[in-house]
C-alpha cells in the first residue's frame, strides 16, 4: 500500500504532458467528455528552500543549543555541492540538444535533436566527484619535514619569526613543541574552541627563546607564539661549543630534571622537547633525565631555568675560593686546572662539613635515581672464581700505572731517583 501511495504521489507531483489535437465535434464519440488538465506543482520541505539553508539546518546549532553544549558532532558534517559535475542539457537520458549541449551547425551539416547511447558509469562518476570534496587528505611530507608523530605540527619547523621593523631574524628557525585545542564555555557564545601553541626559536649559536600563543585558528596561534618567542630571546654560553658548563638539577612544579654534560660526539639523549631546545641553542652533547610530572610546558620552563642558573668555571672557582681541576678519560685522568680564583683558601680555612665534591655541589646535594645493578650471568658461575684467583696478582696494575702518571708524569717508582739503573733496565 505504501509503495502504491508513493507511486501515486510521484505521478501527481510531476507535470502531466498536455497533448492538444484539433478535432471536430462530428468525429468525437458520444460517450466521451472533455476535461481541463492543469499541471500540479508538488511543494515540500526539500524544494521550497535553497540548498544553503538546507545544509545550515544540518550543520549548525541554535544559540540555545550552543549554550548547553549541544551539537558536538554537527561540525563534522561537510557540505557537499550536489550540482558539481552536472551540466545543462546532460542528464540520465543522453540526448543531443543543438544550441544547448552541441553546436547548431557542424561543418555544413545542420544538427538535429537525437538520442545518444547511454553512459552506464555516469552516476558512479558523479558520486566519486562529490565524495572527493568531503574526504580530507593529509598533506604528504618528506621524512625530514615530519614532526614527532606523522604529519602533525609538534616537532615541525615553521620558519623564523616575522621581522620587527628593519630588524630581521636571519639564521633563526622555529620548532613547534605543542599545539592543542581548548574548549572554553561562555555564557553568551556557549562552548567555543581555541588553539594554544608553544614554540621555541633560536639561531643555533646561543640565542633562543620560547613563547605561547592563543587564537581561534591554529595558524594564527602558531604565528603569535613564533613572534612572541622572537621578542623574548635569551643568551646562553656554550662550553667548548658543544655542551653545558656543568651538571645541574632544575625543576618546575612537580617536574624534576637532572642534566649532565657529556663529551663531544655523545649526542643528545634526552626528552624530545629538550632536544629541540638544545638544537635551537646550539648544544650538541647532553644527557637529561626527567622525573615526576611530564607536563610539556613544565619541562620547557624547568630546562630554561636550569640553563639560566648555570655558572661558568671561573664563577664556581670564585664561589669556593679553590682551584677547579678537570679530569678527562681521554687524557688518562690527568689533572688540568680550568679555573683559578683571585684568592685561594688554605686547608685550615676549609671546614670539615664543607662539600668539596664538584658534582654534589653543582647538583645542590641532589642524587639521580639509578637502577640497581645486578651481577652478570657469568659472575655466579664456578669458573669465574677460578678466573679471579688466577688474575689476582694483576688486579691493581692499571690503577698503579695511572697513579704513577699522575704523581711523576711517567711510569716510574718512588725509588727511581735512588736507583736510576732500574728505569734503564725496564726501558730496555
Foldseek 3Di string as FASTA:
>chain_A
DVVVVVVVVVVLQFFDDDDDDDDDPVPDDPPDDDDDGDRDHDDDDPPPDDPVVVLCVQQDDDQVQQLVVPDPVSPLDDDWDLCPPDAPPDDQFAKDDDPGNHDQDDPPDGDDIDTDDGDPCSVVVSVVVRVVVNDDDDDDDDPVQDAPPGNDQARGKDQAADADVPRDDPQKIKGWHDKDKDWDADNRRGTAIKIKTKMKMANLAFKIFIAMAMDNDRVRRVNVRRNVRVVDIDGFDAPVQAWAQAWEWWFDDFKIKTKGTDDPPQAEADDPLVNVNCRRRNHGGIYMDIDTDVDPVRVVVRVVVGRVPDDHLQVVCQVQLDFDWDADVVVLGATDTPYHYPHHDDPVPDDPPDDPDPNCVRHVNDDDDDDDDDDDPCCPDPVVVVVCVVCVVVPCVSVLQSVCCRPPVGPDDPCCVVPVVVVVVVVD
